[in-house]
Amino acid sequence: MKKIYLIFLLLMGCDYLNIQPNDRIPSSQYYNSVDEAYQALLGAYEPIRTMKMNYVDAFPLFSIALFSECMSDNVNGGANKKQTNNPYQEANQFEMSPIRSEAFWRRSYNGISRVNSLFHNWGNITIKQGEEDRANTILGEAYFLRGHYYFELLRMYENVILTTEPIDGTSWRNYKQEDPHKVYAQATDDYLKSFELMAETDPEKGRMSVYASKAELLKMFLFYTGYYQKESLPRLDGSEFTLDNAIALADDIYTNSGKHLLPKFADNFDPLTSNWNDEVLLEIPHVDSGLPGWTGIKSGNIMCRASGPWGGKGKAFDATYADGWANGVPRRKLLTLWDDPNDERKSATILTAQEVEEGQNEAGFDPESPQFPIKIGWQHTGLYNKKYSTFASIQPSIAVNLNYGMNYHALRFADVILMAGELYLRKGNTGKALEYVNLVRTRAKATALTSINEDILFEERNRELALEGVRYHDLLRRYGQGNLNTVKSILDVKNYTPETDEIDRYGEAGKSSDYEIDFKLEQRGFLPIPIIELDVHPDLKQNEGY
């Protein structure tokens, strides 16, 4: 039972803020100055990048983007073998355990509780003359963060708890799941409030500008209206955030954010230069200086290690790629996604086993030697994620498994451009939709489209955003809750025949049953409510299908 209560200390937000390892100040005595509000805001940002499965399994921190991608039709779960506690495999096969589904839940409520504590104590803060703008920016970012965390909860679980106040005593025991439409209304209001207060540019690296908040509201608008087949997002006062509002917001971001497409698509994923580039609106920072070992807080991008090729040799062998876990390996069908042979996005998205071995340049390398070739894992395809990988050029010296210092680009300007095209398409303005969508094709050296519809647009989204954690929720919103049979027809894999029955490190290797997938209609695309929450919340209900 101790583990349960430790987790709920995180969900509720502890009544203390750690200032130094051995110094603690009660929250009632803490919120006195704008500097302390700033420190509290940084604490509310931290859960965005920190993620561990739970306190039961030994499985390390894991990537929300890779997890989401593994639920799509782009990749297999992968790894060196079939495992009993691998979240990427469970996501890929739609067999997520309620024991291991708590990461998103705990992460988001940890952030929400920190934001709520800041709001609750805001009246105690002394704002000196000249500090007004800084204080407003902090408050605006807090609204953005609460909207962000609730959107993450909603798209992952749907049926969640809504709280806007710090938890006092045992009040958490009385919480119940709220109507998801009301939670969406709360998130919408939080985003809109943030617009009035946030800075036009990032206040500092790791914090967000108002255009990150605006772009994420666009994403939530498209998911909500697509999945629930609605016309608008609800607001708490009964008004709505409409399609016209969304179009105006997209045009505003395009015109005024100061962001732009980088000259080359691949520049977004250069391990040495892609951090803090001018195409990214919402950037999750990572550094290579986390503590060694499998426990404790890590600050690296675990997606790099998890996606990297199993068998890469790394710096020690003058290789281009270091050893990875080969999770989320692209399916062979992804090779045919790009419709133009000149499209530069294909070679910048998919890494082949041949490329990995050709990059192992040490003297005497022999691809036929069992010492050197790529290792063959479960659901092997001979393909890997090239956007986030075990790049030897940034291979960390401390905790090599967990500390890759490559930022995750959670929301790129290219995504905003494609969302703008989609909004105009909904409005019936195909000319404007084509104008936007062709911007990303032109950058990629692909031939401009001459016509567009929803199918073409979503294919283009996948060409641009494949392996970035976007595809699964794109499918859910593309077809909506009323057409989940279509989603199932796309995601299911039945009676699959691998390319070869032989062990082939450059292609597929394995049994047909290894590749089979069954999307569960009764789950409606959502994860199970964590069992640890159901154990201590008598009024919580498990999601359908679990």
Protein backbone atom coordinates (compact mmCIF):
# COMPACT_ATOMS: atom_id res chain seq x y z
CA MET A 1 0.00 0.00 0.00
CA LYS A 2 2.95 2.38 0.52
CA LYS A 3 3.47 2.58 -3.25
CA ILE A 4 -0.14 3.65 -3.78
CA TYR A 5 0.12 6.55 -1.37
CA LEU A 6 3.48 7.64 -2.77
CA ILE A 7 1.86 7.92 -6.18
CA PHE A 8 -1.01 9.94 -4.83
CA LEU A 9 1.38 12.36 -3.21
CA LEU A 10 2.52 13.01 -6.76
CA LEU A 11 -1.02 13.30 -8.12
CA MET A 12 -2.07 15.70 -5.38
CA GLY A 13 1.13 17.69 -5.47
CA CYS A 14 3.17 17.59 -2.27
CA ASP A 15 2.61 20.43 0.20
CA TYR A 16 6.28 21.25 -0.11
CA LEU A 17 8.54 22.58 -2.82
CA ASN A 18 12.11 21.34 -2.80
CA ILE A 19 14.48 24.29 -2.90
CA GLN A 20 17.72 22.50 -2.06
CA PRO A 21 18.29 18.82 -1.39
CA ASN A 22 17.95 19.31 2.38
CA ASP A 23 15.78 22.44 2.58
CA ARG A 24 11.98 22.46 2.31
CA ILE A 25 9.47 25.28 2.64
CA PRO A 26 5.72 24.74 3.15
CA SER A 27 3.71 26.05 0.19
CA SER A 28 1.77 28.35 2.54
CA GLN A 29 5.02 30.22 3.21
CA TYR A 30 6.49 29.98 -0.26
CA TYR A 31 4.50 32.06 -2.77
CA ASN A 32 5.64 35.56 -1.80
CA SER A 33 7.52 36.96 -4.79
CA VAL A 34 7.56 36.84 -8.57
CA ASP A 35 10.86 34.96 -8.35
CA GLU A 36 9.18 32.24 -6.32
CA ALA A 37 6.27 32.15 -8.78
CA TYR A 38 8.83 31.69 -11.55
CA GLN A 39 10.42 28.77 -9.70
CA ALA A 40 6.98 27.22 -9.23
CA LEU A 41 6.30 27.63 -12.96
CA LEU A 42 9.50 25.75 -13.80
CA GLY A 43 8.30 22.97 -11.53
CA ALA A 44 5.04 22.85 -13.50
CA TYR A 45 6.98 22.56 -16.76
CA GLU A 46 9.12 19.65 -15.59
CA PRO A 47 6.54 16.82 -16.06
CA ILE A 48 6.42 17.59 -19.80
CA ARG A 49 9.76 15.87 -20.28
CA THR A 50 9.87 13.42 -17.36
CA MET A 51 8.06 10.11 -17.81
CA LYS A 52 8.36 6.75 -16.05
CA MET A 53 5.97 3.88 -16.55
CA ASN A 54 5.10 3.34 -12.88
CA TYR A 55 6.61 2.40 -9.56
CA VAL A 56 5.94 -1.31 -10.03
CA ASP A 57 7.92 -2.23 -13.14
CA ALA A 58 11.62 -1.78 -13.63
CA PHE A 59 10.95 -0.41 -17.12
CA PRO A 60 12.75 2.93 -17.47
CA LEU A 61 11.48 6.28 -18.58
CA PHE A 62 9.77 6.10 -21.91
CA SER A 63 8.69 8.34 -24.77
CA ILE A 64 5.11 9.56 -25.17
CA ALA A 65 5.77 10.22 -28.87
CA LEU A 66 7.12 6.74 -29.56
CA PHE A 67 4.30 5.18 -27.53
CA SER A 68 1.73 7.07 -29.63
CA GLU A 69 3.47 6.13 -32.87
CA CYS A 70 3.42 2.46 -31.86
CA MET A 71 -0.40 2.58 -31.85
CA SER A 72 -0.40 3.68 -35.49
CA ASP A 73 -0.09 1.71 -38.72
CA ASN A 74 3.41 3.10 -39.34
CA VAL A 75 5.46 0.89 -37.05
CA ASN A 76 5.79 -2.38 -35.16
CA GLY A 77 6.42 -2.52 -31.42
CA GLY A 78 9.85 -4.04 -31.98
CA ALA A 79 12.58 -4.58 -29.34
CA ASN A 80 15.09 -7.39 -29.06
CA LYS A 81 12.39 -9.95 -28.15
CA LYS A 82 8.76 -10.30 -27.13
CA GLN A 83 8.60 -8.90 -23.59
CA THR A 84 6.00 -8.98 -20.84
CA ASN A 85 6.44 -5.37 -19.68
CA ASN A 86 7.30 -3.48 -22.85
CA PRO A 87 4.88 -0.52 -23.24
CA TYR A 88 5.67 -0.07 -26.94
CA GLN A 89 4.73 -3.67 -27.70
CA GLU A 90 1.55 -3.41 -25.61
CA ALA A 91 0.57 -0.19 -27.36
CA ASN A 92 1.24 -1.68 -30.78
CA GLN A 93 -0.95 -4.71 -30.09
CA PHE A 94 -3.64 -2.78 -28.18
CA GLU A 95 -3.05 -4.85 -25.07
CA MET A 96 -2.12 -2.03 -22.70
CA SER A 97 -2.08 -3.13 -19.10
CA PRO A 98 -3.90 -0.98 -16.51
CA ILE A 99 -0.81 -1.52 -14.37
CA ARG A 100 1.45 0.18 -16.93
CA SER A 101 -0.94 2.83 -18.19
CA GLU A 102 -0.34 5.29 -15.40
CA ALA A 103 2.57 7.24 -16.90
CA PHE A 104 0.48 9.76 -18.86
CA TRP A 105 -2.04 10.03 -16.01
CA ARG A 106 0.51 10.61 -13.26
CA ARG A 107 2.64 12.92 -15.40
CA SER A 108 -0.29 15.14 -16.31
CA TYR A 109 -1.87 15.33 -12.87
CA ASN A 110 1.54 16.07 -11.39
CA GLY A 111 1.74 19.09 -13.68
CA ILE A 112 -1.88 20.10 -13.07
CA SER A 113 -1.46 19.98 -9.30
CA ARG A 114 1.60 22.24 -9.51
CA VAL A 115 -0.26 24.74 -11.70
CA ASN A 116 -3.31 24.68 -9.41
CA SER A 117 -1.09 25.38 -6.42
CA LEU A 118 0.40 28.38 -8.22
CA PHE A 119 -3.07 29.73 -9.09
CA HIS A 120 -4.34 29.14 -5.55
CA ASN A 121 -1.49 31.13 -4.01
CA TRP A 122 -1.28 33.85 -6.66
CA GLY A 123 -2.99 36.39 -4.40
CA ASN A 124 -0.15 36.05 -1.88
CA ILE A 125 2.51 37.13 -4.38
CA THR A 126 3.88 40.63 -4.07
CA ILE A 127 4.32 42.07 -7.56
CA LYS A 128 6.68 45.03 -7.40
CA GLN A 129 6.63 47.97 -9.76
CA GLY A 130 8.20 46.92 -13.05
CA GLU A 131 7.40 43.22 -12.52
CA GLU A 132 3.89 43.28 -13.98
CA ASP A 133 4.80 41.96 -17.43
CA ARG A 134 6.92 39.16 -16.00
CA ALA A 135 4.15 38.15 -13.62
CA ASN A 136 1.57 38.14 -16.40
CA THR A 137 3.81 35.98 -18.57
CA ILE A 138 4.20 33.45 -15.74
CA LEU A 139 0.46 33.37 -15.18
CA GLY A 140 -0.20 32.93 -18.91
CA GLU A 141 2.21 30.02 -19.18
CA ALA A 142 0.52 28.37 -16.20
CA TYR A 143 -2.82 28.53 -18.04
CA PHE A 144 -1.16 27.05 -21.11
CA LEU A 145 0.35 24.21 -19.11
CA ARG A 146 -2.94 23.25 -17.48
CA GLY A 147 -4.62 23.22 -20.90
CA HIS A 148 -1.77 21.12 -22.26
CA TYR A 149 -1.94 18.53 -19.49
CA TYR A 150 -5.71 18.19 -19.73
CA PHE A 151 -5.54 17.74 -23.49
CA GLU A 152 -2.97 14.97 -23.02
CA LEU A 153 -5.26 13.24 -20.52
CA LEU A 154 -8.33 13.59 -22.71
CA ARG A 155 -6.80 12.20 -25.88
CA MET A 156 -5.24 9.29 -23.98
CA TYR A 157 -7.98 8.36 -21.47
CA GLU A 158 -11.09 10.44 -22.31
CA ASN A 159 -12.76 9.89 -18.91
CA VAL A 160 -10.67 11.89 -16.46
CA ILE A 161 -10.94 13.89 -13.25
CA LEU A 162 -11.35 17.66 -13.51
CA THR A 163 -9.80 19.70 -10.71
CA THR A 164 -8.78 23.35 -10.71
CA GLU A 165 -7.99 23.64 -6.99
CA PRO A 166 -5.20 22.15 -4.89
CA ILE A 167 -6.25 18.99 -3.11
CA ASP A 168 -6.82 19.52 0.60
CA GLY A 169 -6.68 16.67 3.10
CA THR A 170 -8.71 13.71 1.91
CA SER A 171 -10.86 15.61 -0.60
CA TRP A 172 -9.28 13.61 -3.41
CA ARG A 173 -11.21 10.55 -2.24
CA ASN A 174 -14.45 12.16 -3.48
CA TYR A 175 -13.26 12.82 -7.01
CA LYS A 176 -15.24 11.42 -9.91
CA GLN A 177 -14.65 11.41 -13.63
CA GLU A 178 -16.10 14.45 -15.36
CA ASP A 179 -17.99 14.57 -18.63
CA PRO A 180 -15.11 14.81 -21.15
CA HIS A 181 -16.85 17.64 -23.01
CA LYS A 182 -16.70 19.75 -19.84
CA VAL A 183 -12.99 18.99 -19.44
CA TYR A 184 -12.43 20.04 -23.04
CA ALA A 185 -14.28 23.27 -22.24
CA GLN A 186 -11.93 23.87 -19.30
CA ALA A 187 -8.87 23.24 -21.46
CA THR A 188 -10.23 25.55 -24.18
CA ASP A 189 -10.71 28.34 -21.67
CA ASP A 190 -7.23 27.80 -20.25
CA TYR A 191 -5.63 28.08 -23.68
CA LEU A 192 -7.65 31.20 -24.52
CA LYS A 193 -6.75 32.86 -21.20
CA SER A 194 -3.09 32.15 -21.90
CA PHE A 195 -3.31 34.12 -25.15
CA GLU A 196 -3.94 37.33 -23.21
CA LEU A 197 -0.85 36.95 -21.04
CA MET A 198 1.93 34.94 -22.69
CA ALA A 199 4.93 36.47 -24.43
CA GLU A 200 5.14 36.74 -28.22
CA THR A 201 8.49 34.95 -28.19
CA ASP A 202 9.90 32.22 -25.95
CA PRO A 203 10.90 33.93 -22.68
CA GLU A 204 13.84 31.54 -22.44
CA LYS A 205 14.79 28.13 -23.79
CA GLY A 206 12.40 25.51 -22.48
CA ARG A 207 9.49 27.90 -21.93
CA MET A 208 6.76 28.51 -24.49
CA SER A 209 5.54 31.54 -26.39
CA VAL A 210 1.89 32.35 -26.99
CA TYR A 211 2.17 30.77 -30.44
CA ALA A 212 2.92 27.36 -28.92
CA SER A 213 -0.34 27.67 -26.97
CA LYS A 214 -2.24 28.81 -30.07
CA ALA A 215 -0.86 25.93 -32.15
CA GLU A 216 -1.80 23.37 -29.51
CA LEU A 217 -5.34 24.74 -29.32
CA LEU A 218 -5.56 24.16 -33.09
CA LYS A 219 -4.49 20.56 -32.54
CA MET A 220 -7.08 20.09 -29.80
CA PHE A 221 -9.79 21.68 -31.96
CA LEU A 222 -9.10 19.25 -34.78
CA PHE A 223 -8.96 16.23 -32.49
CA TYR A 224 -12.14 17.09 -30.58
CA THR A 225 -14.23 18.06 -33.59
CA GLY A 226 -12.91 15.11 -35.59
CA TYR A 227 -13.22 12.35 -33.02
CA TYR A 228 -16.56 13.48 -31.59
CA GLN A 229 -17.81 14.68 -34.98
CA LYS A 230 -18.66 18.15 -33.70
CA GLU A 231 -18.49 21.55 -35.36
CA SER A 232 -16.88 23.51 -32.50
CA LEU A 233 -15.02 23.25 -29.21
CA PRO A 234 -17.14 23.96 -26.12
CA ARG A 235 -16.38 26.69 -23.58
CA LEU A 236 -17.42 26.84 -19.94
CA ASP A 237 -19.78 29.80 -20.46
CA GLY A 238 -21.73 27.93 -23.13
CA SER A 239 -20.13 29.71 -26.09
CA GLU A 240 -17.97 27.89 -28.63
CA PHE A 241 -14.60 28.07 -30.32
CA THR A 242 -15.59 27.69 -33.95
CA LEU A 243 -14.07 26.70 -37.28
CA ASP A 244 -13.78 30.37 -38.22
CA ASN A 245 -11.97 31.04 -34.93
CA ALA A 246 -9.59 28.17 -35.69
CA ILE A 247 -8.88 29.45 -39.22
CA ALA A 248 -8.14 32.94 -37.89
CA LEU A 249 -5.81 31.41 -35.30
CA ALA A 250 -3.94 29.36 -37.93
CA ASP A 251 -3.47 32.41 -40.14
CA ASP A 252 -2.26 34.38 -37.12
CA ILE A 253 0.40 31.78 -36.31
CA TYR A 254 1.49 31.60 -39.94
CA THR A 255 1.78 35.37 -40.29
CA ASN A 256 2.96 36.55 -36.88
CA SER A 257 4.77 33.77 -35.02
CA GLY A 258 8.15 34.43 -36.59
CA LYS A 259 8.49 30.71 -37.27
CA HIS A 260 9.17 29.33 -40.73
CA LEU A 261 10.01 26.11 -42.58
CA LEU A 262 13.71 25.35 -42.47
CA PRO A 263 15.33 25.27 -45.93
CA LYS A 264 15.82 21.50 -45.71
CA PHE A 265 13.43 19.04 -44.10
CA ALA A 266 16.30 16.98 -42.65
CA ASP A 267 17.62 20.01 -40.75
CA ASN A 268 14.81 19.47 -38.23
CA PHE A 269 16.48 16.23 -37.14
CA ASP A 270 20.18 16.98 -37.37
CA PRO A 271 21.44 15.73 -34.00
CA LEU A 272 24.01 18.51 -33.75
CA THR A 273 22.03 21.55 -34.89
CA SER A 274 18.27 20.86 -34.66
CA ASN A 275 17.73 21.96 -31.05
CA TRP A 276 15.96 25.33 -30.77
CA ASN A 277 15.55 25.75 -34.51
CA ASP A 278 13.17 28.26 -36.09
CA GLU A 279 10.59 25.70 -37.23
CA VAL A 280 9.61 24.44 -33.79
CA LEU A 281 6.82 26.05 -31.78
CA LEU A 282 6.58 23.53 -28.94
CA GLU A 283 9.96 22.07 -28.04
CA ILE A 284 10.59 19.60 -25.22
CA PRO A 285 14.17 20.13 -23.98
CA HIS A 286 16.54 17.30 -23.21
CA VAL A 287 20.14 17.26 -22.00
CA ASP A 288 22.82 14.59 -21.70
CA SER A 289 23.72 15.24 -18.07
CA GLY A 290 21.19 13.10 -16.20
CA LEU A 291 22.24 10.86 -13.36
CA PRO A 292 23.70 7.43 -14.17
CA GLY A 293 21.76 4.24 -13.51
CA TRP A 294 18.15 3.24 -14.13
CA THR A 295 16.63 5.08 -11.18
CA GLY A 296 16.22 8.77 -10.47
CA ILE A 297 15.31 11.63 -12.75
CA LYS A 298 16.67 11.53 -16.27
CA SER A 299 16.79 14.52 -18.59
CA GLY A 300 17.62 12.81 -21.89
CA ASN A 301 15.42 11.98 -24.85
CA ILE A 302 14.64 8.31 -24.32
CA MET A 303 13.06 8.14 -27.79
CA CYS A 304 16.57 8.21 -29.28
CA ARG A 305 17.72 5.15 -27.38
CA ALA A 306 14.41 3.31 -27.73
CA SER A 307 14.22 3.86 -31.52
CA GLY A 308 17.88 3.27 -32.30
CA PRO A 309 19.11 0.20 -34.22
CA TRP A 310 19.94 -2.85 -32.18
CA GLY A 311 23.55 -3.54 -33.03
CA GLY A 312 24.87 -0.04 -33.75
CA LYS A 313 28.47 0.28 -32.61
CA GLY A 314 28.73 3.92 -31.62
CA LYS A 315 31.71 6.18 -31.01
CA ALA A 316 34.05 3.42 -29.93
CA PHE A 317 33.97 1.95 -33.45
CA ASP A 318 33.76 5.25 -35.35
CA ALA A 319 30.20 4.32 -36.29
CA THR A 320 27.35 6.67 -37.26
CA TYR A 321 24.84 5.02 -34.91
CA ALA A 322 25.20 3.59 -31.43
CA ASP A 323 23.32 0.62 -30.02
CA GLY A 324 19.56 1.07 -29.50
CA TRP A 325 16.55 -0.99 -28.45
CA ALA A 326 14.87 -1.10 -31.89
CA ASN A 327 11.39 -0.20 -30.63
CA GLY A 328 8.88 1.32 -33.02
CA VAL A 329 10.53 -0.13 -36.13
CA PRO A 330 8.88 1.17 -39.34
CA ARG A 331 6.85 -1.31 -41.32
CA ARG A 332 8.03 -2.20 -44.82
CA LYS A 333 4.90 -0.65 -46.33
CA LEU A 334 6.08 2.76 -45.16
CA LEU A 335 8.69 2.66 -47.93
CA THR A 336 5.89 3.29 -50.45
CA LEU A 337 4.33 6.25 -48.59
CA TRP A 338 6.14 8.98 -50.49
CA ASP A 339 4.59 9.46 -53.93
CA ASP A 340 7.44 11.45 -55.52
CA PRO A 341 10.91 9.87 -55.95
CA ASN A 342 12.45 13.30 -55.39
CA ASP A 343 10.75 13.77 -52.02
CA GLU A 344 13.60 14.31 -49.54
CA ARG A 345 11.46 13.35 -46.55
CA LYS A 346 11.73 9.61 -47.18
CA SER A 347 15.50 9.42 -46.76
CA ALA A 348 15.33 11.75 -43.74
CA THR A 349 12.62 9.68 -42.02
CA ILE A 350 13.59 6.02 -42.54
CA LEU A 351 16.96 4.55 -41.61
CA THR A 352 17.84 1.19 -43.16
CA ALA A 353 19.95 -1.58 -41.70
CA GLN A 354 22.27 -1.22 -44.68
CA GLU A 355 22.88 2.44 -43.78
CA VAL A 356 23.69 1.51 -40.20
CA GLU A 357 26.21 -1.10 -41.25
CA GLU A 358 27.75 1.12 -43.92
CA GLY A 359 28.29 3.73 -41.20
CA GLN A 360 30.38 1.36 -39.11
CA ASN A 361 33.66 2.50 -40.51
CA GLU A 362 36.19 0.86 -38.23
CA ALA A 363 39.13 -0.89 -39.87
CA GLY A 364 38.46 -4.50 -40.75
CA PHE A 365 34.64 -4.20 -40.70
CA ASP A 366 33.12 -7.28 -42.29
CA PRO A 367 29.32 -7.22 -42.77
CA GLU A 368 29.29 -11.02 -42.85
CA SER A 369 30.96 -11.33 -39.47
CA PRO A 370 28.56 -12.18 -36.64
CA GLN A 371 30.39 -9.64 -34.50
CA PHE A 372 29.26 -6.62 -36.50
CA PRO A 373 25.93 -6.92 -38.31
CA ILE A 374 22.62 -5.48 -37.18
CA LYS A 375 20.94 -7.71 -34.63
CA ILE A 376 17.52 -9.07 -35.45
CA GLY A 377 14.81 -8.36 -32.91
CA TRP A 378 11.11 -9.07 -32.58
CA GLN A 379 8.96 -7.88 -35.53
CA HIS A 380 12.18 -7.00 -37.33
CA THR A 381 11.84 -5.05 -40.58
CA GLY A 382 15.38 -3.87 -41.30
CA LEU A 383 14.13 -0.28 -40.86
CA TYR A 384 14.47 2.27 -38.05
CA ASN A 385 13.42 5.79 -37.09
CA LYS A 386 15.94 8.23 -38.57
CA LYS A 387 14.44 11.34 -36.98
CA TYR A 388 15.22 10.35 -33.40
CA SER A 389 17.94 7.75 -33.06
CA THR A 390 21.14 6.74 -31.31
CA PHE A 391 23.31 9.21 -33.19
CA ALA A 392 26.91 8.52 -32.28
CA SER A 393 27.69 12.22 -32.70
CA ILE A 394 25.69 12.98 -29.55
CA GLN A 395 26.19 9.67 -27.73
CA PRO A 396 26.21 10.61 -24.03
CA SER A 397 29.11 9.82 -21.75
CA ILE A 398 26.89 9.42 -18.65
CA ALA A 399 23.98 6.95 -18.53
CA VAL A 400 24.41 6.17 -22.22
CA ASN A 401 21.03 4.44 -22.35
CA LEU A 402 18.96 7.38 -21.18
CA ASN A 403 20.68 10.71 -21.72
CA TYR A 404 20.57 11.65 -25.40
CA GLY A 405 20.48 15.45 -25.47
CA MET A 406 18.29 15.86 -28.58
CA ASN A 407 15.15 17.90 -28.05
CA TYR A 408 11.77 16.52 -29.07
CA HIS A 409 9.92 18.78 -31.50
CA ALA A 410 6.38 18.28 -30.22
CA LEU A 411 4.82 20.76 -32.65
CA ARG A 412 6.52 22.04 -35.80
CA PHE A 413 5.52 24.93 -38.05
CA ALA A 414 5.01 22.36 -40.83
CA ASP A 415 2.26 20.78 -38.71
CA VAL A 416 0.60 24.18 -38.30
CA ILE A 417 0.72 24.70 -42.08
CA LEU A 418 -0.94 21.34 -42.66
CA MET A 419 -3.54 22.03 -39.97
CA ALA A 420 -4.29 25.36 -41.65
CA GLY A 421 -4.76 23.54 -44.97
CA GLU A 422 -7.10 21.08 -43.28
CA LEU A 423 -9.18 23.86 -41.73
CA TYR A 424 -9.57 25.61 -45.07
CA LEU A 425 -10.52 22.30 -46.66
CA ARG A 426 -13.27 21.88 -44.05
CA LYS A 427 -14.44 25.38 -44.94
CA GLY A 428 -14.61 24.43 -48.62
CA ASN A 429 -11.72 26.65 -49.74
CA THR A 430 -9.65 24.07 -51.65
CA GLY A 431 -7.48 26.74 -53.25
CA LYS A 432 -6.23 28.01 -49.89
CA ALA A 433 -5.86 24.43 -48.64
CA LEU A 434 -3.65 23.58 -51.63
CA GLU A 435 -1.61 26.73 -51.11
CA TYR A 436 -0.78 25.72 -47.56
CA VAL A 437 -0.16 22.02 -48.20
CA ASN A 438 2.10 22.68 -51.19
CA LEU A 439 4.40 24.74 -48.98
CA VAL A 440 5.63 21.61 -47.23
CA ARG A 441 5.83 19.63 -50.48
CA THR A 442 7.88 22.34 -52.17
CA ARG A 443 10.32 22.41 -49.25
CA ALA A 444 10.71 18.63 -49.61
CA LYS A 445 11.37 18.87 -53.38
CA ALA A 446 8.13 17.00 -54.12
CA THR A 447 5.88 17.96 -57.03
CA ALA A 448 3.10 20.34 -56.05
CA LEU A 449 -0.39 18.88 -55.75
CA THR A 450 -3.06 20.03 -58.19
CA SER A 451 -6.06 18.73 -56.26
CA ILE A 452 -6.82 17.92 -52.65
CA ASN A 453 -9.31 16.08 -50.47
CA GLU A 454 -9.21 14.61 -46.97
CA ASP A 455 -7.49 11.40 -48.03
CA ILE A 456 -4.74 13.28 -49.85
CA LEU A 457 -4.29 15.72 -46.99
CA PHE A 458 -3.91 13.02 -44.35
CA GLU A 459 -1.45 11.13 -46.56
CA GLU A 460 0.55 14.35 -46.78
CA ARG A 461 0.46 14.74 -43.02
CA ASN A 462 1.96 11.29 -42.68
CA ARG A 463 4.67 11.99 -45.26
CA GLU A 464 5.68 15.05 -43.27
CA LEU A 465 5.13 13.84 -39.68
CA ALA A 466 5.70 10.06 -39.82
CA LEU A 467 7.49 8.64 -36.76
CA GLU A 468 6.95 11.83 -34.72
CA GLY A 469 4.02 10.48 -32.66
CA VAL A 470 1.19 12.08 -34.66
CA ARG A 471 -0.29 9.37 -36.89
CA TYR A 472 -2.45 7.42 -34.40
CA HIS A 473 -4.47 10.38 -33.17
CA ASP A 474 -4.71 11.64 -36.75
CA LEU A 475 -6.45 8.37 -37.63
CA LEU A 476 -8.84 8.61 -34.68
CA ARG A 477 -9.90 12.14 -35.55
CA ARG A 478 -9.91 11.54 -39.31
CA TYR A 479 -12.69 8.94 -39.00
CA GLY A 480 -14.20 9.74 -35.61
CA GLN A 481 -15.94 7.66 -33.00
CA GLY A 482 -18.74 6.84 -35.42
CA ASN A 483 -16.37 5.20 -37.90
CA LEU A 484 -14.00 3.21 -35.72
CA ASN A 485 -14.54 0.19 -37.95
CA THR A 486 -12.59 2.06 -40.61
CA VAL A 487 -9.81 2.79 -38.11
CA LYS A 488 -9.77 -0.91 -37.27
CA SER A 489 -9.48 -1.86 -40.94
CA ILE A 490 -6.38 0.34 -41.21
CA LEU A 491 -4.72 -0.74 -37.96
CA ASP A 492 -5.49 -4.47 -37.95
CA VAL A 493 -2.91 -6.90 -39.30
CA LYS A 494 -4.26 -10.38 -40.03
CA ASN A 495 -2.66 -13.37 -41.79
CA TYR A 496 0.41 -11.32 -42.60
CA THR A 497 3.13 -12.91 -44.68
CA PRO A 498 6.63 -11.64 -43.89
CA GLU A 499 8.84 -10.92 -46.88
CA THR A 500 10.99 -13.93 -46.10
CA ASP A 501 10.92 -16.96 -43.84
CA GLU A 502 14.68 -16.73 -43.52
CA ILE A 503 16.66 -14.66 -41.06
CA ASP A 504 17.11 -11.43 -43.01
CA ARG A 505 18.63 -8.48 -41.20
CA TYR A 506 17.91 -6.20 -44.18
CA GLY A 507 14.22 -7.17 -44.38
CA GLU A 508 11.54 -8.88 -42.31
CA ALA A 509 12.20 -11.92 -40.21
CA GLY A 510 9.73 -13.74 -38.03
CA LYS A 511 6.51 -15.68 -37.87
CA SER A 512 3.26 -14.35 -39.31
CA SER A 513 1.72 -14.32 -35.83
CA ASP A 514 4.45 -11.93 -34.62
CA TYR A 515 3.07 -9.17 -36.82
CA GLU A 516 -0.65 -9.58 -36.12
CA ILE A 517 -2.58 -6.70 -34.55
CA ASP A 518 -6.18 -6.47 -33.34
CA PHE A 519 -7.55 -2.97 -32.68
CA LYS A 520 -10.22 -3.37 -29.99
CA LEU A 521 -13.35 -1.48 -31.01
CA GLU A 522 -14.74 -1.63 -27.49
CA GLN A 523 -11.77 0.39 -26.21
CA ARG A 524 -12.70 3.24 -28.58
CA GLY A 525 -9.05 4.18 -29.03
CA PHE A 526 -8.33 5.07 -25.38
CA LEU A 527 -6.05 3.65 -22.69
CA PRO A 528 -7.25 1.98 -19.49
CA ILE A 529 -7.60 4.03 -16.32
CA PRO A 530 -4.61 3.02 -14.16
CA ILE A 531 -5.48 0.25 -11.75
CA ILE A 532 -3.68 2.04 -8.95
CA GLU A 533 -6.20 4.88 -9.28
CA LEU A 534 -9.19 2.55 -9.25
CA ASP A 535 -7.85 0.90 -6.10
CA VAL A 536 -7.97 4.12 -4.08
CA HIS A 537 -10.80 5.99 -5.83
CA PRO A 538 -14.01 4.01 -5.24
CA ASP A 539 -16.02 6.22 -7.61
CA LEU A 540 -13.73 5.94 -10.64
CA LYS A 541 -14.90 3.71 -13.50
CA GLN A 542 -12.66 1.72 -15.80
CA ASN A 543 -12.78 2.63 -19.48
CA GLU A 544 -14.73 0.38 -21.81
CA GLY A 545 -12.96 -2.69 -23.11
CA TYR A 546 -10.65 -3.27 -20.13
